[in-house]
Amino acid sequence: MLDELKTVKKVEILPYHSLGLFKWQNLGIPYTLEGVPAPTKEEVERAEKILGIRKAD
């Protein structure tokens, strides 16, 4: 599918992380992703393989 999108020049997998959690807590906003684990390196690599992309070394 990505190959068919002529205007797409680059696709990157950006793994979820919880670095901004404290901001939500300080603002008193419920953090709906609390408890969601960050993906493993293998899971990120699997997603890249599914999409047919590779990270630049």
PDB file of N, CA and C in Angstrom:
ATOM      1  N   MET A   1       0.818  -1.192   0.000  1.00  0.00           N
ATOM      2  CA  MET A   1       0.000   0.000   0.000  1.00  0.00           C
ATOM      3  C   MET A   1       0.867   1.263   0.000  1.00  0.00           C
ATOM      4  N   LEU A   2       1.924   1.260   0.792  1.00  0.00           N
ATOM      5  CA  LEU A   2       2.778   2.449   0.861  1.00  0.00           C
ATOM      6  C   LEU A   2       3.406   2.768  -0.488  1.00  0.00           C
ATOM      7  N   ASP A   3       3.726   1.746  -1.233  1.00  0.00           N
ATOM      8  CA  ASP A   3       4.335   1.958  -2.553  1.00  0.00           C
ATOM      9  C   ASP A   3       3.390   2.674  -3.512  1.00  0.00           C
ATOM     10  N   GLU A   4       2.099   2.551  -3.274  1.00  0.00           N
ATOM     11  CA  GLU A   4       1.112   3.186  -4.148  1.00  0.00           C
ATOM     12  C   GLU A   4       0.918   4.670  -3.842  1.00  0.00           C
ATOM     13  N   LEU A   5       1.373   5.114  -2.689  1.00  0.00           N
ATOM     14  CA  LEU A   5       1.216   6.509  -2.284  1.00  0.00           C
ATOM     15  C   LEU A   5       2.413   7.311  -2.791  1.00  0.00           C
ATOM     16  N   LYS A   6       2.256   7.928  -3.916  1.00  0.00           N
ATOM     17  CA  LYS A   6       3.367   8.613  -4.587  1.00  0.00           C
ATOM     18  C   LYS A   6       3.869   9.841  -3.826  1.00  0.00           C
ATOM     19  N   THR A   7       3.043  10.429  -2.972  1.00  0.00           N
ATOM     20  CA  THR A   7       3.466  11.635  -2.251  1.00  0.00           C
ATOM     21  C   THR A   7       4.184  11.315  -0.934  1.00  0.00           C
ATOM     22  N   VAL A   8       4.185  10.052  -0.520  1.00  0.00           N
ATOM     23  CA  VAL A   8       4.862   9.667   0.717  1.00  0.00           C
ATOM     24  C   VAL A   8       6.341   9.471   0.411  1.00  0.00           C
ATOM     25  N   LYS A   9       7.175  10.247   1.093  1.00  0.00           N
ATOM     26  CA  LYS A   9       8.618  10.162   0.860  1.00  0.00           C
ATOM     27  C   LYS A   9       9.332   9.359   1.930  1.00  0.00           C
ATOM     28  N   LYS A  10       8.742   9.313   3.131  1.00  0.00           N
ATOM     29  CA  LYS A  10       9.416   8.629   4.226  1.00  0.00           C
ATOM     30  C   LYS A  10       8.381   8.166   5.249  1.00  0.00           C
ATOM     31  N   VAL A  11       8.587   6.976   5.793  1.00  0.00           N
ATOM     32  CA  VAL A  11       7.739   6.444   6.852  1.00  0.00           C
ATOM     33  C   VAL A  11       8.653   5.984   7.972  1.00  0.00           C
ATOM     34  N   GLU A  12       8.323   6.377   9.190  1.00  0.00           N
ATOM     35  CA  GLU A  12       9.102   5.960  10.347  1.00  0.00           C
ATOM     36  C   GLU A  12       8.172   5.364  11.388  1.00  0.00           C
ATOM     37  N   ILE A  13       8.653   4.366  12.092  1.00  0.00           N
ATOM     38  CA  ILE A  13       7.922   3.793  13.214  1.00  0.00           C
ATOM     39  C   ILE A  13       8.397   4.538  14.458  1.00  0.00           C
ATOM     40  N   LEU A  14       7.469   5.194  15.130  1.00  0.00           N
ATOM     41  CA  LEU A  14       7.787   5.922  16.352  1.00  0.00           C
ATOM     42  C   LEU A  14       7.138   5.187  17.520  1.00  0.00           C
ATOM     43  N   PRO A  15       7.905   4.392  18.247  1.00  0.00           N
ATOM     44  CA  PRO A  15       7.341   3.602  19.330  1.00  0.00           C
ATOM     45  C   PRO A  15       6.730   4.469  20.432  1.00  0.00           C
ATOM     46  N   TYR A  16       5.657   3.979  21.004  1.00  0.00           N
ATOM     47  CA  TYR A  16       5.004   4.641  22.128  1.00  0.00           C
ATOM     48  C   TYR A  16       5.971   4.694  23.306  1.00  0.00           C
ATOM     49  N   HIS A  17       5.916   5.772  24.042  1.00  0.00           N
ATOM     50  CA  HIS A  17       6.661   5.888  25.300  1.00  0.00           C
ATOM     51  C   HIS A  17       5.838   6.739  26.259  1.00  0.00           C
ATOM     52  N   SER A  18       6.192   6.699  27.509  1.00  0.00           N
ATOM     53  CA  SER A  18       5.407   7.425  28.513  1.00  0.00           C
ATOM     54  C   SER A  18       6.168   8.615  29.096  1.00  0.00           C
ATOM     55  N   LEU A  19       7.065   9.199  28.336  1.00  0.00           N
ATOM     56  CA  LEU A  19       7.866  10.310  28.833  1.00  0.00           C
ATOM     57  C   LEU A  19       7.029  11.536  29.184  1.00  0.00           C
ATOM     58  N   GLY A  20       5.884  11.714  28.561  1.00  0.00           N
ATOM     59  CA  GLY A  20       5.046  12.878  28.827  1.00  0.00           C
ATOM     60  C   GLY A  20       3.972  12.637  29.881  1.00  0.00           C
ATOM     61  N   LEU A  21       4.002  11.473  30.518  1.00  0.00           N
ATOM     62  CA  LEU A  21       2.980  11.125  31.503  1.00  0.00           C
ATOM     63  C   LEU A  21       2.864  12.174  32.605  1.00  0.00           C
ATOM     64  N   PHE A  22       3.998  12.686  33.078  1.00  0.00           N
ATOM     65  CA  PHE A  22       3.974  13.651  34.176  1.00  0.00           C
ATOM     66  C   PHE A  22       3.204  14.916  33.792  1.00  0.00           C
ATOM     67  N   LYS A  23       3.235  15.298  32.513  1.00  0.00           N
ATOM     68  CA  LYS A  23       2.498  16.488  32.074  1.00  0.00           C
ATOM     69  C   LYS A  23       0.992  16.282  32.256  1.00  0.00           C
ATOM     70  N   TRP A  24       0.517  15.131  31.862  1.00  0.00           N
ATOM     71  CA  TRP A  24      -0.904  14.813  32.020  1.00  0.00           C
ATOM     72  C   TRP A  24      -1.274  14.831  33.499  1.00  0.00           C
ATOM     73  N   GLN A  25      -0.429  14.208  34.319  1.00  0.00           N
ATOM     74  CA  GLN A  25      -0.697  14.157  35.753  1.00  0.00           C
ATOM     75  C   GLN A  25      -0.734  15.567  36.353  1.00  0.00           C
ATOM     76  N   ASN A  26       0.221  16.410  35.984  1.00  0.00           N
ATOM     77  CA  ASN A  26       0.276  17.782  36.501  1.00  0.00           C
ATOM     78  C   ASN A  26      -0.931  18.615  36.062  1.00  0.00           C
ATOM     79  N   LEU A  27      -1.469  18.300  34.885  1.00  0.00           N
ATOM     80  CA  LEU A  27      -2.642  19.021  34.392  1.00  0.00           C
ATOM     81  C   LEU A  27      -3.957  18.428  34.920  1.00  0.00           C
ATOM     82  N   GLY A  28      -3.858  17.303  35.609  1.00  0.00           N
ATOM     83  CA  GLY A  28      -5.046  16.663  36.145  1.00  0.00           C
ATOM     84  C   GLY A  28      -5.914  16.012  35.084  1.00  0.00           C
ATOM     85  N   ILE A  29      -5.319  15.679  33.948  1.00  0.00           N
ATOM     86  CA  ILE A  29      -6.051  15.053  32.846  1.00  0.00           C
ATOM     87  C   ILE A  29      -5.842  13.541  32.931  1.00  0.00           C
ATOM     88  N   PRO A  30      -6.914  12.775  32.855  1.00  0.00           N
ATOM     89  CA  PRO A  30      -6.754  11.312  32.877  1.00  0.00           C
ATOM     90  C   PRO A  30      -5.879  10.847  31.707  1.00  0.00           C
ATOM     91  N   TYR A  31      -4.925   9.997  32.003  1.00  0.00           N
ATOM     92  CA  TYR A  31      -4.018   9.471  30.985  1.00  0.00           C
ATOM     93  C   TYR A  31      -4.534   8.104  30.565  1.00  0.00           C
ATOM     94  N   THR A  32      -5.214   8.062  29.434  1.00  0.00           N
ATOM     95  CA  THR A  32      -5.897   6.840  29.009  1.00  0.00           C
ATOM     96  C   THR A  32      -4.952   5.719  28.578  1.00  0.00           C
ATOM     97  N   LEU A  33      -3.685   6.033  28.364  1.00  0.00           N
ATOM     98  CA  LEU A  33      -2.733   4.999  27.952  1.00  0.00           C
ATOM     99  C   LEU A  33      -1.897   4.471  29.118  1.00  0.00           C
ATOM    100  N   GLU A  34      -2.267   4.840  30.336  1.00  0.00           N
ATOM    101  CA  GLU A  34      -1.516   4.367  31.492  1.00  0.00           C
ATOM    102  C   GLU A  34      -1.569   2.841  31.540  1.00  0.00           C
ATOM    103  N   GLY A  35      -0.420   2.247  31.745  1.00  0.00           N
ATOM    104  CA  GLY A  35      -0.333   0.797  31.791  1.00  0.00           C
ATOM    105  C   GLY A  35      -0.045   0.150  30.451  1.00  0.00           C
ATOM    106  N   VAL A  36      -0.068   0.931  29.381  1.00  0.00           N
ATOM    107  CA  VAL A  36       0.256   0.393  28.055  1.00  0.00           C
ATOM    108  C   VAL A  36       1.773   0.264  27.966  1.00  0.00           C
ATOM    109  N   PRO A  37       2.270  -0.942  27.743  1.00  0.00           N
ATOM    110  CA  PRO A  37       3.724  -1.122  27.699  1.00  0.00           C
ATOM    111  C   PRO A  37       4.325  -0.580  26.395  1.00  0.00           C
ATOM    112  N   ALA A  38       5.545  -0.098  26.501  1.00  0.00           N
ATOM    113  CA  ALA A  38       6.288   0.326  25.300  1.00  0.00           C
ATOM    114  C   ALA A  38       6.627  -0.929  24.500  1.00  0.00           C
ATOM    115  N   PRO A  39       6.661  -0.826  23.183  1.00  0.00           N
ATOM    116  CA  PRO A  39       6.977  -2.011  22.373  1.00  0.00           C
ATOM    117  C   PRO A  39       8.437  -2.427  22.539  1.00  0.00           C
ATOM    118  N   THR A  40       8.664  -3.702  22.374  1.00  0.00           N
ATOM    119  CA  THR A  40      10.029  -4.211  22.408  1.00  0.00           C
ATOM    120  C   THR A  40      10.720  -3.898  21.078  1.00  0.00           C
ATOM    121  N   LYS A  41      12.019  -4.039  21.060  1.00  0.00           N
ATOM    122  CA  LYS A  41      12.783  -3.829  19.825  1.00  0.00           C
ATOM    123  C   LYS A  41      12.277  -4.779  18.734  1.00  0.00           C
ATOM    124  N   GLU A  42      11.982  -6.005  19.124  1.00  0.00           N
ATOM    125  CA  GLU A  42      11.498  -7.001  18.168  1.00  0.00           C
ATOM    126  C   GLU A  42      10.141  -6.598  17.590  1.00  0.00           C
ATOM    127  N   GLU A  43       9.272  -6.032  18.410  1.00  0.00           N
ATOM    128  CA  GLU A  43       7.960  -5.601  17.929  1.00  0.00           C
ATOM    129  C   GLU A  43       8.083  -4.442  16.940  1.00  0.00           C
ATOM    130  N   VAL A  44       9.000  -3.525  17.215  1.00  0.00           N
ATOM    131  CA  VAL A  44       9.234  -2.416  16.296  1.00  0.00           C
ATOM    132  C   VAL A  44       9.793  -2.947  14.975  1.00  0.00           C
ATOM    133  N   GLU A  45      10.737  -3.857  15.056  1.00  0.00           N
ATOM    134  CA  GLU A  45      11.317  -4.442  13.841  1.00  0.00           C
ATOM    135  C   GLU A  45      10.259  -5.206  13.044  1.00  0.00           C
ATOM    136  N   ARG A  46       9.349  -5.881  13.740  1.00  0.00           N
ATOM    137  CA  ARG A  46       8.266  -6.596  13.061  1.00  0.00           C
ATOM    138  C   ARG A  46       7.357  -5.617  12.322  1.00  0.00           C
ATOM    139  N   ALA A  47       7.037  -4.496  12.956  1.00  0.00           N
ATOM    140  CA  ALA A  47       6.198  -3.476  12.307  1.00  0.00           C
ATOM    141  C   ALA A  47       6.904  -2.928  11.072  1.00  0.00           C
ATOM    142  N   GLU A  48       8.207  -2.692  11.184  1.00  0.00           N
ATOM    143  CA  GLU A  48       8.973  -2.202  10.028  1.00  0.00           C
ATOM    144  C   GLU A  48       8.961  -3.225   8.896  1.00  0.00           C
ATOM    145  N   LYS A  49       9.074  -4.495   9.259  1.00  0.00           N
ATOM    146  CA  LYS A  49       9.052  -5.554   8.247  1.00  0.00           C
ATOM    147  C   LYS A  49       7.696  -5.623   7.561  1.00  0.00           C
ATOM    148  N   ILE A  50       6.621  -5.519   8.351  1.00  0.00           N
ATOM    149  CA  ILE A  50       5.265  -5.547   7.786  1.00  0.00           C
ATOM    150  C   ILE A  50       5.070  -4.403   6.807  1.00  0.00           C
ATOM    151  N   LEU A  51       5.589  -3.219   7.172  1.00  0.00           N
ATOM    152  CA  LEU A  51       5.434  -2.044   6.314  1.00  0.00           C
ATOM    153  C   LEU A  51       6.454  -1.998   5.174  1.00  0.00           C
ATOM    154  N   GLY A  52       7.445  -2.873   5.241  1.00  0.00           N
ATOM    155  CA  GLY A  52       8.468  -2.904   4.197  1.00  0.00           C
ATOM    156  C   GLY A  52       9.431  -1.731   4.287  1.00  0.00           C
ATOM    157  N   ILE A  53       9.699  -1.267   5.508  1.00  0.00           N
ATOM    158  CA  ILE A  53      10.642  -0.164   5.695  1.00  0.00           C
ATOM    159  C   ILE A  53      11.765  -0.619   6.606  1.00  0.00           C
ATOM    160  N   ARG A  54      12.859   0.077   6.549  1.00  0.00           N
ATOM    161  CA  ARG A  54      13.995  -0.202   7.429  1.00  0.00           C
ATOM    162  C   ARG A  54      14.559   1.108   7.935  1.00  0.00           C
ATOM    163  N   LYS A  55      15.051   1.074   9.163  1.00  0.00           N
ATOM    164  CA  LYS A  55      15.703   2.261   9.721  1.00  0.00           C
ATOM    165  C   LYS A  55      17.050   2.447   9.048  1.00  0.00           C
ATOM    166  N   ALA A  56      17.453   3.701   8.904  1.00  0.00           N
ATOM    167  CA  ALA A  56      18.803   3.974   8.400  1.00  0.00           C
ATOM    168  C   ALA A  56      19.792   3.628   9.487  1.00  0.00           C
ATOM    169  N   ASP A  57      20.859   2.941   9.113  1.00  0.00           N
ATOM    170  CA  ASP A  57      21.890   2.570  10.103  1.00  0.00           C
ATOM    171  C   ASP A  57      22.810   3.715  10.416  1.00  0.00           C
TER     172      ASP A  57
END
